[in-house]
Amino acid sequence: MELLHFILASFGMTFIIVYSSLFERIRAAATRFDFIGKLLRCPLCMGFWVGVFLWGISPYTELFTFSDSLVTAFICGCISSGTSYSLSMVVGDYGINVMHQGGEL
């Protein structure tokens, strides 16, 4: 259950940072800095750092707890990155994304 809480928290935080109007000004200002600008617009990249951030604050929450190992930090980043990217490709502002490519239905 802790892993599910971690995945949902990381997806939510990543989605808010990358796509919400709340962070639009920050993303626009960050375009001056190539690396930061790309980071704030990429759910795969931002998802990694959100996972590392959540690992860092895990001692302060009861939703999930992780060891203080740097290997655990890396694994949390990878889990967050993969799931945030995957979920952002499946779920959009209007629900589940459905793409039709050529051919008949």
PDB file of N, CA and C in Angstrom:
ATOM      1  N   MET A   1       0.822  -1.196   0.000  1.00  0.00           N
ATOM      2  CA  MET A   1       0.000   0.000   0.000  1.00  0.00           C
ATOM      3  C   MET A   1       0.864   1.256   0.000  1.00  0.00           C
ATOM      4  N   GLU A   2       2.017   1.194   0.690  1.00  0.00           N
ATOM      5  CA  GLU A   2       2.913   2.350   0.700  1.00  0.00           C
ATOM      6  C   GLU A   2       3.389   2.685  -0.707  1.00  0.00           C
ATOM      7  N   LEU A   3       3.678   1.648  -1.496  1.00  0.00           N
ATOM      8  CA  LEU A   3       4.147   1.883  -2.858  1.00  0.00           C
ATOM      9  C   LEU A   3       3.064   2.559  -3.694  1.00  0.00           C
ATOM     10  N   LEU A   4       1.831   2.153  -3.514  1.00  0.00           N
ATOM     11  CA  LEU A   4       0.727   2.795  -4.237  1.00  0.00           C
ATOM     12  C   LEU A   4       0.598   4.262  -3.834  1.00  0.00           C
ATOM     13  N   HIS A   5       0.707   4.558  -2.549  1.00  0.00           N
ATOM     14  CA  HIS A   5       0.670   5.955  -2.095  1.00  0.00           C
ATOM     15  C   HIS A   5       1.818   6.749  -2.704  1.00  0.00           C
ATOM     16  N   PHE A   6       2.995   6.149  -2.737  1.00  0.00           N
ATOM     17  CA  PHE A   6       4.159   6.815  -3.318  1.00  0.00           C
ATOM     18  C   PHE A   6       3.938   7.106  -4.806  1.00  0.00           C
ATOM     19  N   ILE A   7       3.443   6.116  -5.536  1.00  0.00           N
ATOM     20  CA  ILE A   7       3.218   6.286  -6.977  1.00  0.00           C
ATOM     21  C   ILE A   7       2.173   7.365  -7.243  1.00  0.00           C
ATOM     22  N   LEU A   8       1.078   7.346  -6.504  1.00  0.00           N
ATOM     23  CA  LEU A   8       0.034   8.356  -6.709  1.00  0.00           C
ATOM     24  C   LEU A   8       0.514   9.751  -6.326  1.00  0.00           C
ATOM     25  N   ALA A   9       1.274   9.847  -5.235  1.00  0.00           N
ATOM     26  CA  ALA A   9       1.810  11.156  -4.828  1.00  0.00           C
ATOM     27  C   ALA A   9       2.801  11.674  -5.859  1.00  0.00           C
ATOM     28  N   SER A  10       3.663  10.812  -6.356  1.00  0.00           N
ATOM     29  CA  SER A  10       4.655  11.259  -7.331  1.00  0.00           C
ATOM     30  C   SER A  10       3.997  11.642  -8.651  1.00  0.00           C
ATOM     31  N   PHE A  11       2.986  10.878  -9.082  1.00  0.00           N
ATOM     32  CA  PHE A  11       2.280  11.236 -10.306  1.00  0.00           C
ATOM     33  C   PHE A  11       1.558  12.569 -10.148  1.00  0.00           C
ATOM     34  N   GLY A  12       0.872  12.740  -9.031  1.00  0.00           N
ATOM     35  CA  GLY A  12       0.151  13.993  -8.794  1.00  0.00           C
ATOM     36  C   GLY A  12       1.073  15.193  -8.773  1.00  0.00           C
ATOM     37  N   MET A  13       2.175  15.075  -8.052  1.00  0.00           N
ATOM     38  CA  MET A  13       3.113  16.189  -7.963  1.00  0.00           C
ATOM     39  C   MET A  13       3.750  16.476  -9.321  1.00  0.00           C
ATOM     40  N   THR A  14       4.135  15.433 -10.037  1.00  0.00           N
ATOM     41  CA  THR A  14       4.736  15.618 -11.356  1.00  0.00           C
ATOM     42  C   THR A  14       3.747  16.255 -12.315  1.00  0.00           C
ATOM     43  N   PHE A  15       2.515  15.783 -12.317  1.00  0.00           N
ATOM     44  CA  PHE A  15       1.489  16.316 -13.218  1.00  0.00           C
ATOM     45  C   PHE A  15       1.244  17.798 -12.935  1.00  0.00           C
ATOM     46  N   ILE A  16       1.192  18.151 -11.672  1.00  0.00           N
ATOM     47  CA  ILE A  16       0.973  19.553 -11.300  1.00  0.00           C
ATOM     48  C   ILE A  16       2.140  20.428 -11.768  1.00  0.00           C
ATOM     49  N   ILE A  17       3.362  19.979 -11.543  1.00  0.00           N
ATOM     50  CA  ILE A  17       4.533  20.776 -11.932  1.00  0.00           C
ATOM     51  C   ILE A  17       4.639  20.914 -13.443  1.00  0.00           C
ATOM     52  N   VAL A  18       4.413  19.830 -14.172  1.00  0.00           N
ATOM     53  CA  VAL A  18       4.641  19.829 -15.621  1.00  0.00           C
ATOM     54  C   VAL A  18       3.482  20.437 -16.408  1.00  0.00           C
ATOM     55  N   TYR A  19       2.247  20.247 -15.964  1.00  0.00           N
ATOM     56  CA  TYR A  19       1.105  20.632 -16.796  1.00  0.00           C
ATOM     57  C   TYR A  19       0.194  21.714 -16.226  1.00  0.00           C
ATOM     58  N   SER A  20       0.226  21.995 -14.936  1.00  0.00           N
ATOM     59  CA  SER A  20      -0.788  22.895 -14.375  1.00  0.00           C
ATOM     60  C   SER A  20      -0.507  24.365 -14.663  1.00  0.00           C
ATOM     61  N   SER A  21      -1.569  25.139 -14.645  1.00  0.00           N
ATOM     62  CA  SER A  21      -1.423  26.587 -14.825  1.00  0.00           C
ATOM     63  C   SER A  21      -0.785  27.222 -13.593  1.00  0.00           C
ATOM     64  N   LEU A  22      -0.822  26.527 -12.480  1.00  0.00           N
ATOM     65  CA  LEU A  22      -0.201  27.012 -11.247  1.00  0.00           C
ATOM     66  C   LEU A  22       1.297  27.269 -11.434  1.00  0.00           C
ATOM     67  N   PHE A  23       1.965  26.431 -12.212  1.00  0.00           N
ATOM     68  CA  PHE A  23       3.403  26.565 -12.438  1.00  0.00           C
ATOM     69  C   PHE A  23       3.750  27.159 -13.799  1.00  0.00           C
ATOM     70  N   GLU A  24       2.767  27.660 -14.530  1.00  0.00           N
ATOM     71  CA  GLU A  24       3.007  28.175 -15.877  1.00  0.00           C
ATOM     72  C   GLU A  24       4.036  29.308 -15.899  1.00  0.00           C
ATOM     73  N   ARG A  25       3.934  30.239 -14.969  1.00  0.00           N
ATOM     74  CA  ARG A  25       4.900  31.345 -14.930  1.00  0.00           C
ATOM     75  C   ARG A  25       6.304  30.852 -14.652  1.00  0.00           C
ATOM     76  N   ILE A  26       6.420  29.898 -13.768  1.00  0.00           N
ATOM     77  CA  ILE A  26       7.743  29.348 -13.442  1.00  0.00           C
ATOM     78  C   ILE A  26       8.317  28.633 -14.656  1.00  0.00           C
ATOM     79  N   ARG A  27       7.479  27.832 -15.347  1.00  0.00           N
ATOM     80  CA  ARG A  27       7.959  27.138 -16.548  1.00  0.00           C
ATOM     81  C   ARG A  27       8.359  28.132 -17.630  1.00  0.00           C
ATOM     82  N   ALA A  28       7.582  29.195 -17.787  1.00  0.00           N
ATOM     83  CA  ALA A  28       7.904  30.210 -18.803  1.00  0.00           C
ATOM     84  C   ALA A  28       9.215  30.916 -18.466  1.00  0.00           C
ATOM     85  N   ALA A  29       9.416  31.251 -17.210  1.00  0.00           N
ATOM     86  CA  ALA A  29      10.654  31.924 -16.806  1.00  0.00           C
ATOM     87  C   ALA A  29      11.853  30.998 -16.930  1.00  0.00           C
ATOM     88  N   ALA A  30      11.642  29.720 -16.736  1.00  0.00           N
ATOM     89  CA  ALA A  30      12.748  28.757 -16.770  1.00  0.00           C
ATOM     90  C   ALA A  30      13.234  28.459 -18.178  1.00  0.00           C
ATOM     91  N   THR A  31      12.510  28.903 -19.205  1.00  0.00           N
ATOM     92  CA  THR A  31      12.950  28.636 -20.579  1.00  0.00           C
ATOM     93  C   THR A  31      14.264  29.346 -20.895  1.00  0.00           C
ATOM     94  N   ARG A  32      14.618  30.349 -20.094  1.00  0.00           N
ATOM     95  CA  ARG A  32      15.914  31.014 -20.289  1.00  0.00           C
ATOM     96  C   ARG A  32      17.069  30.080 -19.975  1.00  0.00           C
ATOM     97  N   PHE A  33      16.825  29.122 -19.130  1.00  0.00           N
ATOM     98  CA  PHE A  33      17.838  28.147 -18.746  1.00  0.00           C
ATOM     99  C   PHE A  33      17.462  26.823 -19.404  1.00  0.00           C
ATOM    100  N   ASP A  34      18.220  26.430 -20.395  1.00  0.00           N
ATOM    101  CA  ASP A  34      17.863  25.298 -21.240  1.00  0.00           C
ATOM    102  C   ASP A  34      17.539  24.041 -20.437  1.00  0.00           C
ATOM    103  N   PHE A  35      18.417  23.645 -19.524  1.00  0.00           N
ATOM    104  CA  PHE A  35      18.231  22.407 -18.771  1.00  0.00           C
ATOM    105  C   PHE A  35      16.992  22.469 -17.888  1.00  0.00           C
ATOM    106  N   ILE A  36      16.833  23.551 -17.130  1.00  0.00           N
ATOM    107  CA  ILE A  36      15.688  23.680 -16.215  1.00  0.00           C
ATOM    108  C   ILE A  36      14.386  23.786 -17.002  1.00  0.00           C
ATOM    109  N   GLY A  37      14.415  24.513 -18.107  1.00  0.00           N
ATOM    110  CA  GLY A  37      13.219  24.647 -18.936  1.00  0.00           C
ATOM    111  C   GLY A  37      12.727  23.314 -19.459  1.00  0.00           C
ATOM    112  N   LYS A  38      13.655  22.466 -19.925  1.00  0.00           N
ATOM    113  CA  LYS A  38      13.283  21.137 -20.410  1.00  0.00           C
ATOM    114  C   LYS A  38      12.803  20.257 -19.258  1.00  0.00           C
ATOM    115  N   LEU A  39      13.472  20.357 -18.121  1.00  0.00           N
ATOM    116  CA  LEU A  39      13.122  19.547 -16.953  1.00  0.00           C
ATOM    117  C   LEU A  39      11.690  19.810 -16.506  1.00  0.00           C
ATOM    118  N   LEU A  40      11.282  21.062 -16.490  1.00  0.00           N
ATOM    119  CA  LEU A  40       9.951  21.429 -16.007  1.00  0.00           C
ATOM    120  C   LEU A  40       8.839  21.086 -16.991  1.00  0.00           C
ATOM    121  N   ARG A  41       9.198  20.661 -18.202  1.00  0.00           N
ATOM    122  CA  ARG A  41       8.194  20.304 -19.194  1.00  0.00           C
ATOM    123  C   ARG A  41       8.183  18.815 -19.526  1.00  0.00           C
ATOM    124  N   CYS A  42       8.994  18.043 -18.852  1.00  0.00           N
ATOM    125  CA  CYS A  42       9.134  16.625 -19.162  1.00  0.00           C
ATOM    126  C   CYS A  42       8.681  15.773 -17.979  1.00  0.00           C
ATOM    127  N   PRO A  43       7.583  15.019 -18.125  1.00  0.00           N
ATOM    128  CA  PRO A  43       7.116  14.201 -17.000  1.00  0.00           C
ATOM    129  C   PRO A  43       8.093  13.085 -16.631  1.00  0.00           C
ATOM    130  N   LEU A  44       8.866  12.602 -17.595  1.00  0.00           N
ATOM    131  CA  LEU A  44       9.853  11.567 -17.310  1.00  0.00           C
ATOM    132  C   LEU A  44      10.983  12.134 -16.455  1.00  0.00           C
ATOM    133  N   CYS A  45      11.506  13.286 -16.849  1.00  0.00           N
ATOM    134  CA  CYS A  45      12.617  13.922 -16.126  1.00  0.00           C
ATOM    135  C   CYS A  45      12.174  14.443 -14.760  1.00  0.00           C
ATOM    136  N   MET A  46      11.093  15.192 -14.750  1.00  0.00           N
ATOM    137  CA  MET A  46      10.601  15.753 -13.495  1.00  0.00           C
ATOM    138  C   MET A  46      10.142  14.656 -12.549  1.00  0.00           C
ATOM    139  N   GLY A  47       9.587  13.592 -13.107  1.00  0.00           N
ATOM    140  CA  GLY A  47       9.156  12.467 -12.292  1.00  0.00           C
ATOM    141  C   GLY A  47      10.307  11.873 -11.485  1.00  0.00           C
ATOM    142  N   PHE A  48      11.490  11.810 -12.077  1.00  0.00           N
ATOM    143  CA  PHE A  48      12.646  11.288 -11.355  1.00  0.00           C
ATOM    144  C   PHE A  48      12.951  12.146 -10.141  1.00  0.00           C
ATOM    145  N   TRP A  49      13.027  13.450 -10.347  1.00  0.00           N
ATOM    146  CA  TRP A  49      13.391  14.340  -9.238  1.00  0.00           C
ATOM    147  C   TRP A  49      12.285  14.449  -8.198  1.00  0.00           C
ATOM    148  N   VAL A  50      11.042  14.302  -8.621  1.00  0.00           N
ATOM    149  CA  VAL A  50       9.941  14.251  -7.653  1.00  0.00           C
ATOM    150  C   VAL A  50      10.087  13.007  -6.783  1.00  0.00           C
ATOM    151  N   GLY A  51      10.441  11.881  -7.384  1.00  0.00           N
ATOM    152  CA  GLY A  51      10.652  10.653  -6.617  1.00  0.00           C
ATOM    153  C   GLY A  51      11.775  10.796  -5.606  1.00  0.00           C
ATOM    154  N   VAL A  52      12.864  11.440  -6.007  1.00  0.00           N
ATOM    155  CA  VAL A  52      13.977  11.676  -5.085  1.00  0.00           C
ATOM    156  C   VAL A  52      13.534  12.621  -3.969  1.00  0.00           C
ATOM    157  N   PHE A  53      12.754  13.641  -4.310  1.00  0.00           N
ATOM    158  CA  PHE A  53      12.237  14.568  -3.303  1.00  0.00           C
ATOM    159  C   PHE A  53      11.345  13.842  -2.294  1.00  0.00           C
ATOM    160  N   LEU A  54      10.443  13.002  -2.797  1.00  0.00           N
ATOM    161  CA  LEU A  54       9.552  12.265  -1.903  1.00  0.00           C
ATOM    162  C   LEU A  54      10.331  11.293  -1.023  1.00  0.00           C
ATOM    163  N   TRP A  55      11.380  10.690  -1.566  1.00  0.00           N
ATOM    164  CA  TRP A  55      12.258   9.849  -0.746  1.00  0.00           C
ATOM    165  C   TRP A  55      12.861  10.689   0.381  1.00  0.00           C
ATOM    166  N   GLY A  56      13.277  11.905   0.054  1.00  0.00           N
ATOM    167  CA  GLY A  56      13.896  12.782   1.046  1.00  0.00           C
ATOM    168  C   GLY A  56      12.961  13.198   2.161  1.00  0.00           C
ATOM    169  N   ILE A  57      11.685  13.345   1.849  1.00  0.00           N
ATOM    170  CA  ILE A  57      10.739  13.770   2.890  1.00  0.00           C
ATOM    171  C   ILE A  57      10.016  12.589   3.533  1.00  0.00           C
ATOM    172  N   SER A  58      10.357  11.371   3.147  1.00  0.00           N
ATOM    173  CA  SER A  58       9.646  10.209   3.699  1.00  0.00           C
ATOM    174  C   SER A  58       9.742  10.080   5.218  1.00  0.00           C
ATOM    175  N   PRO A  59      10.807  10.548   5.887  1.00  0.00           N
ATOM    176  CA  PRO A  59      10.791  10.482   7.350  1.00  0.00           C
ATOM    177  C   PRO A  59       9.730  11.391   7.993  1.00  0.00           C
ATOM    178  N   TYR A  60       9.213  12.349   7.232  1.00  0.00           N
ATOM    179  CA  TYR A  60       8.271  13.317   7.774  1.00  0.00           C
ATOM    180  C   TYR A  60       6.814  13.009   7.433  1.00  0.00           C
ATOM    181  N   THR A  61       6.564  11.859   6.816  1.00  0.00           N
ATOM    182  CA  THR A  61       5.199  11.487   6.466  1.00  0.00           C
ATOM    183  C   THR A  61       4.933  10.046   6.889  1.00  0.00           C
ATOM    184  N   GLU A  62       3.694   9.739   7.094  1.00  0.00           N
ATOM    185  CA  GLU A  62       3.318   8.378   7.440  1.00  0.00           C
ATOM    186  C   GLU A  62       2.750   7.625   6.240  1.00  0.00           C
ATOM    187  N   LEU A  63       2.668   8.278   5.095  1.00  0.00           N
ATOM    188  CA  LEU A  63       2.153   7.616   3.899  1.00  0.00           C
ATOM    189  C   LEU A  63       3.100   6.539   3.389  1.00  0.00           C
ATOM    190  N   PHE A  64       4.399   6.837   3.429  1.00  0.00           N
ATOM    191  CA  PHE A  64       5.402   5.877   2.976  1.00  0.00           C
ATOM    192  C   PHE A  64       6.703   6.150   3.707  1.00  0.00           C
ATOM    193  N   THR A  65       7.449   5.089   3.946  1.00  0.00           N
ATOM    194  CA  THR A  65       8.753   5.213   4.599  1.00  0.00           C
ATOM    195  C   THR A  65       9.764   4.409   3.808  1.00  0.00           C
ATOM    196  N   PHE A  66      10.928   4.996   3.605  1.00  0.00           N
ATOM    197  CA  PHE A  66      12.002   4.346   2.862  1.00  0.00           C
ATOM    198  C   PHE A  66      13.292   4.456   3.651  1.00  0.00           C
ATOM    199  N   SER A  67      14.213   3.551   3.387  1.00  0.00           N
ATOM    200  CA  SER A  67      15.520   3.634   4.040  1.00  0.00           C
ATOM    201  C   SER A  67      16.254   4.869   3.544  1.00  0.00           C
ATOM    202  N   ASP A  68      17.268   5.273   4.271  1.00  0.00           N
ATOM    203  CA  ASP A  68      17.996   6.494   3.905  1.00  0.00           C
ATOM    204  C   ASP A  68      19.160   6.227   2.958  1.00  0.00           C
ATOM    205  N   SER A  69      19.161   5.106   2.284  1.00  0.00           N
ATOM    206  CA  SER A  69      20.210   4.731   1.338  1.00  0.00           C
ATOM    207  C   SER A  69      20.086   5.528   0.036  1.00  0.00           C
ATOM    208  N   LEU A  70      21.206   5.899  -0.549  1.00  0.00           N
ATOM    209  CA  LEU A  70      21.196   6.593  -1.835  1.00  0.00           C
ATOM    210  C   LEU A  70      20.698   5.679  -2.951  1.00  0.00           C
ATOM    211  N   VAL A  71      20.909   4.393  -2.801  1.00  0.00           N
ATOM    212  CA  VAL A  71      20.374   3.441  -3.775  1.00  0.00           C
ATOM    213  C   VAL A  71      18.849   3.487  -3.745  1.00  0.00           C
ATOM    214  N   THR A  72      18.276   3.575  -2.564  1.00  0.00           N
ATOM    215  CA  THR A  72      16.821   3.693  -2.432  1.00  0.00           C
ATOM    216  C   THR A  72      16.337   4.986  -3.069  1.00  0.00           C
ATOM    217  N   ALA A  73      17.091   6.071  -2.905  1.00  0.00           N
ATOM    218  CA  ALA A  73      16.730   7.344  -3.535  1.00  0.00           C
ATOM    219  C   ALA A  73      16.686   7.194  -5.050  1.00  0.00           C
ATOM    220  N   PHE A  74      17.680   6.527  -5.617  1.00  0.00           N
ATOM    221  CA  PHE A  74      17.730   6.314  -7.062  1.00  0.00           C
ATOM    222  C   PHE A  74      16.554   5.454  -7.527  1.00  0.00           C
ATOM    223  N   ILE A  75      16.267   4.391  -6.787  1.00  0.00           N
ATOM    224  CA  ILE A  75      15.156   3.509  -7.157  1.00  0.00           C
ATOM    225  C   ILE A  75      13.825   4.243  -7.053  1.00  0.00           C
ATOM    226  N   CYS A  76      13.648   5.050  -6.004  1.00  0.00           N
ATOM    227  CA  CYS A  76      12.417   5.858  -5.882  1.00  0.00           C
ATOM    228  C   CYS A  76      12.284   6.814  -7.054  1.00  0.00           C
ATOM    229  N   GLY A  77      13.385   7.425  -7.467  1.00  0.00           N
ATOM    230  CA  GLY A  77      13.368   8.301  -8.632  1.00  0.00           C
ATOM    231  C   GLY A  77      12.969   7.564  -9.896  1.00  0.00           C
ATOM    232  N   CYS A  78      13.505   6.361 -10.064  1.00  0.00           N
ATOM    233  CA  CYS A  78      13.175   5.564 -11.254  1.00  0.00           C
ATOM    234  C   CYS A  78      11.722   5.120 -11.253  1.00  0.00           C
ATOM    235  N   ILE A  79      11.228   4.675 -10.113  1.00  0.00           N
ATOM    236  CA  ILE A  79       9.819   4.259 -10.019  1.00  0.00           C
ATOM    237  C   ILE A  79       8.910   5.443 -10.320  1.00  0.00           C
ATOM    238  N   SER A  80       9.216   6.582  -9.725  1.00  0.00           N
ATOM    239  CA  SER A  80       8.406   7.773  -9.930  1.00  0.00           C
ATOM    240  C   SER A  80       8.451   8.216 -11.383  1.00  0.00           C
ATOM    241  N   SER A  81       9.622   8.209 -11.975  1.00  0.00           N
ATOM    242  CA  SER A  81       9.781   8.635 -13.359  1.00  0.00           C
ATOM    243  C   SER A  81       8.983   7.754 -14.305  1.00  0.00           C
ATOM    244  N   GLY A  82       9.153   6.450 -14.166  1.00  0.00           N
ATOM    245  CA  GLY A  82       8.458   5.521 -15.061  1.00  0.00           C
ATOM    246  C   GLY A  82       6.956   5.577 -14.929  1.00  0.00           C
ATOM    247  N   THR A  83       6.483   5.588 -13.705  1.00  0.00           N
ATOM    248  CA  THR A  83       5.032   5.603 -13.515  1.00  0.00           C
ATOM    249  C   THR A  83       4.424   6.960 -13.858  1.00  0.00           C
ATOM    250  N   SER A  84       5.126   8.043 -13.554  1.00  0.00           N
ATOM    251  CA  SER A  84       4.602   9.374 -13.896  1.00  0.00           C
ATOM    252  C   SER A  84       4.498   9.535 -15.403  1.00  0.00           C
ATOM    253  N   TYR A  85       5.518   9.087 -16.125  1.00  0.00           N
ATOM    254  CA  TYR A  85       5.479   9.190 -17.585  1.00  0.00           C
ATOM    255  C   TYR A  85       4.370   8.308 -18.157  1.00  0.00           C
ATOM    256  N   SER A  86       4.318   7.064 -17.687  1.00  0.00           N
ATOM    257  CA  SER A  86       3.309   6.126 -18.197  1.00  0.00           C
ATOM    258  C   SER A  86       1.894   6.642 -17.939  1.00  0.00           C
ATOM    259  N   LEU A  87       1.642   7.087 -16.722  1.00  0.00           N
ATOM    260  CA  LEU A  87       0.305   7.579 -16.390  1.00  0.00           C
ATOM    261  C   LEU A  87      -0.024   8.862 -17.135  1.00  0.00           C
ATOM    262  N   SER A  88       0.968   9.718 -17.380  1.00  0.00           N
ATOM    263  CA  SER A  88       0.684  10.961 -18.108  1.00  0.00           C
ATOM    264  C   SER A  88       0.399  10.686 -19.581  1.00  0.00           C
ATOM    265  N   MET A  89       0.873   9.555 -20.107  1.00  0.00           N
ATOM    266  CA  MET A  89       0.543   9.176 -21.482  1.00  0.00           C
ATOM    267  C   MET A  89      -0.846   8.554 -21.568  1.00  0.00           C
ATOM    268  N   VAL A  90      -1.319   7.970 -20.471  1.00  0.00           N
ATOM    269  CA  VAL A  90      -2.614   7.300 -20.457  1.00  0.00           C
ATOM    270  C   VAL A  90      -3.735   8.251 -20.056  1.00  0.00           C
ATOM    271  N   VAL A  91      -3.474   9.137 -19.081  1.00  0.00           N
ATOM    272  CA  VAL A  91      -4.498  10.023 -18.534  1.00  0.00           C
ATOM    273  C   VAL A  91      -4.169  11.467 -18.894  1.00  0.00           C
ATOM    274  N   GLY A  92      -5.156  12.180 -19.408  1.00  0.00           N
ATOM    275  CA  GLY A  92      -4.984  13.588 -19.743  1.00  0.00           C
ATOM    276  C   GLY A  92      -6.027  14.450 -19.043  1.00  0.00           C
ATOM    277  N   ASP A  93      -6.129  15.681 -19.457  1.00  0.00           N
ATOM    278  CA  ASP A  93      -7.078  16.613 -18.856  1.00  0.00           C
ATOM    279  C   ASP A  93      -8.531  16.160 -19.013  1.00  0.00           C
ATOM    280  N   TYR A  94      -8.805  15.403 -20.061  1.00  0.00           N
ATOM    281  CA  TYR A  94     -10.183  15.017 -20.348  1.00  0.00           C
ATOM    282  C   TYR A  94     -10.430  13.531 -20.119  1.00  0.00           C
ATOM    283  N   GLY A  95      -9.607  12.907 -19.294  1.00  0.00           N
ATOM    284  CA  GLY A  95      -9.794  11.484 -18.986  1.00  0.00           C
ATOM    285  C   GLY A  95      -8.755  10.628 -19.677  1.00  0.00           C
ATOM    286  N   ILE A  96      -9.144   9.421 -20.026  1.00  0.00           N
ATOM    287  CA  ILE A  96      -8.222   8.471 -20.651  1.00  0.00           C
ATOM    288  C   ILE A  96      -7.980   8.879 -22.098  1.00  0.00           C
ATOM    289  N   ASN A  97      -6.699   8.955 -22.470  1.00  0.00           N
ATOM    290  CA  ASN A  97      -6.324   9.307 -23.841  1.00  0.00           C
ATOM    291  C   ASN A  97      -6.544   8.110 -24.762  1.00  0.00           C
ATOM    292  N   VAL A  98      -7.224   8.354 -25.870  1.00  0.00           N
ATOM    293  CA  VAL A  98      -7.441   7.330 -26.872  1.00  0.00           C
ATOM    294  C   VAL A  98      -6.961   7.895 -28.196  1.00  0.00           C
ATOM    295  N   MET A  99      -6.044   7.179 -28.851  1.00  0.00           N
ATOM    296  CA  MET A  99      -5.515   7.645 -30.119  1.00  0.00           C
ATOM    297  C   MET A  99      -5.834   6.619 -31.189  1.00  0.00           C
ATOM    298  N   HIS A 100      -6.424   7.070 -32.281  1.00  0.00           N
ATOM    299  CA  HIS A 100      -6.720   6.200 -33.407  1.00  0.00           C
ATOM    300  C   HIS A 100      -5.723   6.505 -34.509  1.00  0.00           C
ATOM    301  N   GLN A 101      -5.090   5.468 -35.017  1.00  0.00           N
ATOM    302  CA  GLN A 101      -4.109   5.643 -36.092  1.00  0.00           C
ATOM    303  C   GLN A 101      -4.582   4.914 -37.334  1.00  0.00           C
ATOM    304  N   GLY A 102      -4.889   5.674 -38.349  1.00  0.00           N
ATOM    305  CA  GLY A 102      -5.270   5.115 -39.642  1.00  0.00           C
ATOM    306  C   GLY A 102      -6.250   3.950 -39.559  1.00  0.00           C
ATOM    307  N   GLY A 103      -6.581   3.415 -40.671  1.00  0.00           N
ATOM    308  CA  GLY A 103      -7.463   2.244 -40.722  1.00  0.00           C
ATOM    309  C   GLY A 103      -8.864   2.533 -40.273  1.00  0.00           C
ATOM    310  N   GLU A 104      -9.671   1.518 -40.376  1.00  0.00           N
ATOM    311  CA  GLU A 104     -11.063   1.649 -39.956  1.00  0.00           C
ATOM    312  C   GLU A 104     -11.252   1.088 -38.573  1.00  0.00           C
ATOM    313  N   LEU A 105     -12.254   1.596 -37.879  1.00  0.00           N
ATOM    314  CA  LEU A 105     -12.568   1.107 -36.540  1.00  0.00           C
ATOM    315  C   LEU A 105     -13.504  -0.059 -36.594  1.00  0.00           C
TER     316      LEU A 105
END
